[in-house]
Amino acid sequence: MTVADTPVRLRAPAKLNLYLHVTGRRGDGYHLLDSLVVFTDLADTLELSPSPSPALTLDVEGPLAGQAGPVGDNLVLRAARLLAQATGAQRGARMRLVKRIPAAAGLGGGSSDAAAALTGLMRLWDIAPERVDLPALALRLGADVPVCLGGRPAFVGGIGETIDPAPDLPPAGLLLVNPGTRLPTPAVFAARRGDFSGSARFATPPADAAGLAALLAGRGNDLTGAARGLAPQIGDVLAALAGLPGCLLARMTGSGATCFGLFDDADAAAAAAKSPALAGRDWWIAATRIRSAEG
């Protein structure tokens, strides 16, 4: 059995914007960003198997499969079709996606799924890297897809196409909370008001989670105000997170509505998830941690 004939199984980790600055806007309406993106241990799973025909099929399951939307419009299928078109591949694939990341939540679940599909199908179909500009192809699927190809901490600029390695970040726990609100990214950008921000990159890595929180305190998420205007519950989530014992920083990620609390480690985040302050809330809650550069 060759590598190309062997099923491929990949993790598609949730991404987090530790800070997100809107630095400008292009003439075509796209916003320019400066953001520090990291990935978490929370992940969807994508399994790709050979198909006896050129057909592309996708089954979606898992605890959040109901949020995935119409299968035919899923980013995994769109990525597969785009890659097949760009490379002339005619081998087909049977794909199975297990959804654990909420949709339209600022966690890049669909983008990470698409990146996993591109990476996995390159292996399944035995496509040589020089045959396709994978980052350019990824950008056609969405602004977050290129950085998801790497799955490592990175500074993201432009509309998502400029990716630079970030300094090594210390281990840190994360508590992710979503109030159950789906926020389409275009609507949040359209609601944004105010001046643009400057770039906020740094070169010296913080020594620990507390140092990371102090560094991030001087930065922010420029989409928070717009998102809170569309979904006021985000304010309740941020207040609840900030009040939890051990929370070093509370912030919204991406265009929302998911927010995160930064903790010393994964154990502290898991303990905070059981806090009485969160009990009885009809919120999606997940304790995890920042995924290291080594994965």
Protein backbone atom coordinates (compact mmCIF):
# COMPACT_ATOMS: atom_id res chain seq x y z
CA MET A 1 0.00 0.00 0.00
CA THR A 2 1.51 3.33 -1.06
CA VAL A 3 1.31 6.54 0.95
CA ALA A 4 -1.24 7.91 -1.53
CA ASP A 5 -3.48 4.86 -0.95
CA THR A 6 -3.42 5.16 2.84
CA PRO A 7 -6.17 7.11 4.64
CA VAL A 8 -4.98 10.46 5.98
CA ARG A 9 -6.17 11.76 9.35
CA LEU A 10 -5.49 15.34 10.45
CA ARG A 11 -6.35 17.68 13.31
CA ALA A 12 -7.83 21.06 12.39
CA PRO A 13 -7.14 23.19 15.48
CA ALA A 14 -9.15 26.21 16.53
CA LYS A 15 -7.32 29.49 16.01
CA LEU A 16 -7.28 32.41 18.42
CA ASN A 17 -6.45 36.07 17.84
CA LEU A 18 -4.55 37.13 20.94
CA TYR A 19 -4.78 40.66 19.57
CA LEU A 20 -6.36 42.00 16.38
CA HIS A 21 -5.73 45.50 15.06
CA VAL A 22 -7.46 46.92 12.00
CA THR A 23 -4.71 48.99 10.38
CA GLY A 24 -6.42 50.25 7.21
CA ARG A 25 -8.73 49.50 4.34
CA ARG A 26 -7.97 48.78 0.71
CA GLY A 27 -9.72 50.43 -2.21
CA ASP A 28 -11.67 47.22 -2.84
CA GLY A 29 -13.17 47.35 0.66
CA TYR A 30 -11.06 44.65 2.29
CA HIS A 31 -9.68 45.60 5.71
CA LEU A 32 -5.98 45.36 6.52
CA LEU A 33 -5.05 43.66 9.77
CA ASP A 34 -2.22 43.12 12.20
CA SER A 35 -2.87 40.15 14.47
CA LEU A 36 -1.12 37.58 16.62
CA VAL A 37 -2.69 34.21 15.85
CA VAL A 38 -2.20 31.07 17.91
CA PHE A 39 -3.79 27.63 17.77
CA THR A 40 -5.29 25.52 20.52
CA ASP A 41 -5.56 21.88 21.49
CA LEU A 42 -9.29 22.08 20.72
CA ALA A 43 -9.64 20.76 17.19
CA ASP A 44 -11.91 19.30 14.56
CA THR A 45 -10.75 16.04 12.97
CA LEU A 46 -10.65 15.36 9.23
CA GLU A 47 -10.19 11.88 7.78
CA LEU A 48 -9.52 11.46 4.07
CA SER A 49 -9.77 8.08 2.34
CA PRO A 50 -9.14 7.03 -1.28
CA SER A 51 -12.18 6.84 -3.55
CA PRO A 52 -12.64 4.33 -6.37
CA SER A 53 -14.02 7.16 -8.52
CA PRO A 54 -13.22 10.86 -9.02
CA ALA A 55 -16.17 11.73 -6.77
CA LEU A 56 -15.67 13.92 -3.69
CA THR A 57 -17.92 13.05 -0.75
CA LEU A 58 -18.12 14.51 2.76
CA ASP A 59 -19.79 13.25 5.92
CA VAL A 60 -20.01 15.62 8.89
CA GLU A 61 -20.50 14.31 12.42
CA GLY A 62 -19.52 15.13 15.97
CA PRO A 63 -21.01 17.21 18.79
CA LEU A 64 -21.32 20.38 16.69
CA ALA A 65 -22.15 18.81 13.33
CA GLY A 66 -25.48 20.63 13.33
CA GLN A 67 -23.68 23.96 13.00
CA ALA A 68 -21.76 22.98 9.88
CA GLY A 69 -24.47 24.12 7.46
CA PRO A 70 -25.21 22.57 4.06
CA VAL A 71 -22.63 19.89 3.25
CA GLY A 72 -22.38 20.98 -0.37
CA ASP A 73 -21.17 24.43 0.70
CA ASN A 74 -18.74 23.19 3.36
CA LEU A 75 -15.24 24.67 3.10
CA VAL A 76 -13.75 21.17 3.09
CA LEU A 77 -15.55 20.31 -0.13
CA ARG A 78 -14.80 23.73 -1.61
CA ALA A 79 -11.11 23.27 -0.81
CA ALA A 80 -11.08 19.80 -2.38
CA ARG A 81 -12.76 21.04 -5.55
CA LEU A 82 -10.39 24.00 -5.83
CA LEU A 83 -7.30 21.82 -5.36
CA ALA A 84 -8.54 19.29 -7.92
CA GLN A 85 -9.19 22.06 -10.41
CA ALA A 86 -5.80 23.71 -9.83
CA THR A 87 -3.80 20.48 -10.17
CA GLY A 88 -5.90 18.37 -12.51
CA ALA A 89 -6.20 15.65 -9.87
CA GLN A 90 -8.89 13.12 -10.73
CA ARG A 91 -8.63 10.62 -7.89
CA GLY A 92 -11.56 11.68 -5.73
CA ALA A 93 -11.79 11.23 -1.96
CA ARG A 94 -14.15 10.17 0.81
CA MET A 95 -13.95 12.70 3.62
CA ARG A 96 -15.22 12.54 7.20
CA LEU A 97 -15.24 15.67 9.34
CA VAL A 98 -15.79 15.57 13.12
CA LYS A 99 -16.90 19.02 14.30
CA ARG A 100 -15.96 20.22 17.79
CA ILE A 101 -15.40 23.92 17.01
CA PRO A 102 -18.50 26.14 16.88
CA ALA A 103 -19.28 27.87 13.59
CA ALA A 104 -19.21 31.64 12.97
CA ALA A 105 -17.55 32.03 16.36
CA GLY A 106 -14.23 33.75 15.65
CA LEU A 107 -12.32 30.49 16.10
CA GLY A 108 -11.59 29.81 12.42
CA GLY A 109 -13.09 26.32 12.50
CA GLY A 110 -14.11 26.29 8.85
CA SER A 111 -10.81 27.85 7.78
CA SER A 112 -8.82 25.28 9.74
CA ASP A 113 -10.93 22.49 8.23
CA ALA A 114 -10.20 23.85 4.74
CA ALA A 115 -6.47 24.07 5.45
CA ALA A 116 -6.49 20.47 6.70
CA ALA A 117 -8.30 19.40 3.53
CA LEU A 118 -5.70 21.05 1.32
CA THR A 119 -2.80 19.58 3.28
CA GLY A 120 -4.33 16.11 3.52
CA LEU A 121 -5.37 15.88 -0.12
CA MET A 122 -1.90 16.91 -1.23
CA ARG A 123 -0.71 13.77 0.55
CA LEU A 124 -3.61 11.52 -0.43
CA TRP A 125 -3.34 12.46 -4.10
CA ASP A 126 0.48 12.47 -4.01
CA ILE A 127 0.72 16.00 -5.42
CA ALA A 128 4.22 17.47 -5.53
CA PRO A 129 4.43 20.82 -3.64
CA GLU A 130 5.82 22.63 -6.68
CA ARG A 131 2.66 21.89 -8.67
CA VAL A 132 0.53 24.39 -6.79
CA ASP A 133 0.91 27.63 -4.81
CA LEU A 134 -0.92 26.34 -1.76
CA PRO A 135 -0.97 29.62 0.26
CA ALA A 136 -2.43 31.50 -2.73
CA LEU A 137 -5.02 28.78 -3.18
CA ALA A 138 -5.83 28.93 0.55
CA LEU A 139 -6.41 32.69 0.38
CA ARG A 140 -9.08 32.16 -2.28
CA LEU A 141 -11.02 30.16 0.32
CA GLY A 142 -10.83 32.78 3.08
CA ALA A 143 -8.54 35.24 4.84
CA ASP A 144 -7.82 32.87 7.77
CA VAL A 145 -7.03 29.80 5.67
CA PRO A 146 -3.36 30.63 4.83
CA VAL A 147 -2.28 30.94 8.48
CA CYS A 148 -4.19 27.74 9.30
CA LEU A 149 -1.97 25.86 6.83
CA GLY A 150 0.92 26.26 9.25
CA GLY A 151 -1.03 25.82 12.48
CA ARG A 152 1.67 27.64 14.45
CA PRO A 153 1.84 31.00 16.26
CA ALA A 154 2.22 33.76 13.66
CA PHE A 155 1.78 37.44 13.00
CA VAL A 156 -0.76 37.96 10.23
CA GLY A 157 -0.88 41.07 8.06
CA GLY A 158 -2.54 42.39 4.94
CA ILE A 159 -5.91 40.69 4.46
CA GLY A 160 -4.45 37.44 5.77
CA GLU A 161 -1.87 36.67 3.12
CA THR A 162 1.19 38.07 4.94
CA ILE A 163 2.34 35.57 7.56
CA ASP A 164 5.45 35.92 9.72
CA PRO A 165 6.62 33.62 12.52
CA ALA A 166 5.88 34.86 16.03
CA PRO A 167 8.36 34.55 18.91
CA ASP A 168 8.06 31.43 21.04
CA LEU A 169 5.16 31.85 23.41
CA PRO A 170 5.00 30.41 26.92
CA PRO A 171 2.57 27.62 27.81
CA ALA A 172 -0.78 29.09 28.84
CA GLY A 173 -4.24 27.80 29.60
CA LEU A 174 -7.32 29.07 27.79
CA LEU A 175 -10.98 29.08 28.69
CA LEU A 176 -13.15 29.59 25.61
CA VAL A 177 -16.71 30.84 26.06
CA ASN A 178 -19.34 31.57 23.42
CA PRO A 179 -22.79 32.90 24.37
CA GLY A 180 -24.42 30.85 21.63
CA THR A 181 -24.45 33.70 19.14
CA ARG A 182 -23.28 33.35 15.53
CA LEU A 183 -21.67 36.50 14.15
CA PRO A 184 -20.94 36.66 10.39
CA THR A 185 -17.55 38.32 9.92
CA PRO A 186 -18.71 40.72 7.16
CA ALA A 187 -21.44 42.11 9.43
CA VAL A 188 -18.96 42.84 12.20
CA PHE A 189 -16.52 44.62 9.88
CA ALA A 190 -19.40 46.62 8.40
CA ALA A 191 -20.42 47.76 11.89
CA ARG A 192 -16.91 48.82 12.90
CA ARG A 193 -16.35 52.53 13.51
CA GLY A 194 -13.39 54.64 14.58
CA ASP A 195 -9.79 55.22 13.63
CA PHE A 196 -7.37 52.58 12.45
CA SER A 197 -4.71 51.14 14.77
CA GLY A 198 -1.00 50.67 14.27
CA SER A 199 0.96 47.44 14.08
CA ALA A 200 1.76 45.98 17.51
CA ARG A 201 4.24 43.19 16.85
CA PHE A 202 6.98 42.29 19.31
CA ALA A 203 10.26 40.40 19.06
CA THR A 204 11.07 39.44 22.65
CA PRO A 205 9.04 36.47 23.89
CA PRO A 206 7.36 36.79 27.29
CA ALA A 207 8.73 34.52 30.02
CA ASP A 208 5.40 33.14 31.22
CA ALA A 209 1.63 33.44 30.90
CA ALA A 210 1.56 36.48 33.20
CA GLY A 211 4.15 38.18 31.00
CA LEU A 212 2.09 37.35 27.92
CA ALA A 213 -1.02 38.84 29.53
CA ALA A 214 0.86 42.02 30.42
CA LEU A 215 2.12 42.30 26.84
CA LEU A 216 -1.36 41.80 25.41
CA ALA A 217 -2.89 44.33 27.80
CA GLY A 218 -1.31 47.07 25.69
CA ARG A 219 -3.01 45.68 22.60
CA GLY A 220 -6.64 44.85 21.86
CA ASN A 221 -9.25 43.57 19.47
CA ASP A 222 -10.53 46.43 17.31
CA LEU A 223 -13.68 44.49 16.40
CA THR A 224 -14.95 44.11 19.98
CA GLY A 225 -17.07 47.26 20.00
CA ALA A 226 -18.79 46.37 16.72
CA ALA A 227 -19.37 42.79 17.83
CA ARG A 228 -20.82 43.87 21.18
CA GLY A 229 -23.17 46.22 19.36
CA LEU A 230 -24.51 43.28 17.38
CA ALA A 231 -24.41 40.79 20.26
CA PRO A 232 -24.52 42.52 23.69
CA GLN A 233 -24.11 39.11 25.39
CA ILE A 234 -20.40 39.37 24.55
CA GLY A 235 -20.09 41.96 27.31
CA ASP A 236 -21.58 39.50 29.81
CA VAL A 237 -19.10 36.83 28.74
CA LEU A 238 -16.11 39.17 29.04
CA ALA A 239 -17.22 40.29 32.50
CA ALA A 240 -17.72 36.70 33.67
CA LEU A 241 -14.30 35.64 32.39
CA ALA A 242 -12.52 38.63 33.91
CA GLY A 243 -14.03 37.78 37.31
CA LEU A 244 -12.83 34.17 37.38
CA PRO A 245 -10.03 33.29 39.82
CA GLY A 246 -6.71 33.10 38.02
CA CYS A 247 -7.86 34.84 34.84
CA LEU A 248 -4.97 36.98 33.61
CA LEU A 249 -6.75 38.52 30.62
CA ALA A 250 -10.23 38.38 29.08
CA ARG A 251 -10.68 39.18 25.39
CA MET A 252 -12.79 38.45 22.33
CA THR A 253 -11.18 36.51 19.49
CA GLY A 254 -11.56 37.30 15.80
CA SER A 255 -14.91 38.86 14.91
CA GLY A 256 -16.58 37.07 17.86
CA ALA A 257 -18.66 35.99 19.50
CA THR A 258 -16.23 33.64 21.29
CA CYS A 259 -14.16 35.16 24.08
CA PHE A 260 -11.22 33.69 25.95
CA GLY A 261 -9.68 33.89 29.37
CA LEU A 262 -5.91 33.48 29.62
CA PHE A 263 -4.62 31.39 32.56
CA ASP A 264 -1.28 30.18 33.87
CA ASP A 265 -1.85 26.67 32.55
CA ALA A 266 -4.44 24.21 31.26
CA ASP A 267 -5.26 22.96 34.77
CA ALA A 268 -6.12 26.47 35.94
CA ALA A 269 -8.36 26.96 32.90
CA ALA A 270 -10.10 23.62 33.53
CA ALA A 271 -10.71 24.56 37.18
CA ALA A 272 -12.13 27.93 36.14
CA ALA A 273 -14.56 26.19 33.78
CA LYS A 274 -16.21 24.66 36.86
CA SER A 275 -16.64 28.01 38.61
CA PRO A 276 -20.09 28.75 40.06
CA ALA A 277 -20.01 32.00 38.06
CA LEU A 278 -20.42 29.96 34.89
CA ALA A 279 -22.85 27.38 36.26
CA GLY A 280 -26.30 27.34 34.73
CA ARG A 281 -25.30 29.53 31.80
CA ASP A 282 -26.52 28.51 28.37
CA TRP A 283 -23.05 29.09 26.97
CA TRP A 284 -20.61 26.91 25.07
CA ILE A 285 -17.52 26.49 27.29
CA ALA A 286 -14.25 24.69 26.56
CA ALA A 287 -11.01 24.58 28.53
CA THR A 288 -7.87 24.12 26.44
CA ARG A 289 -4.39 25.57 26.01
CA ILE A 290 -2.19 27.33 23.48
CA ARG A 291 -0.72 24.78 21.11
CA SER A 292 3.07 24.99 20.95
CA ALA A 293 5.00 25.70 17.73
CA GLU A 294 6.00 22.04 17.72
CA GLY A 295 2.33 21.03 17.67
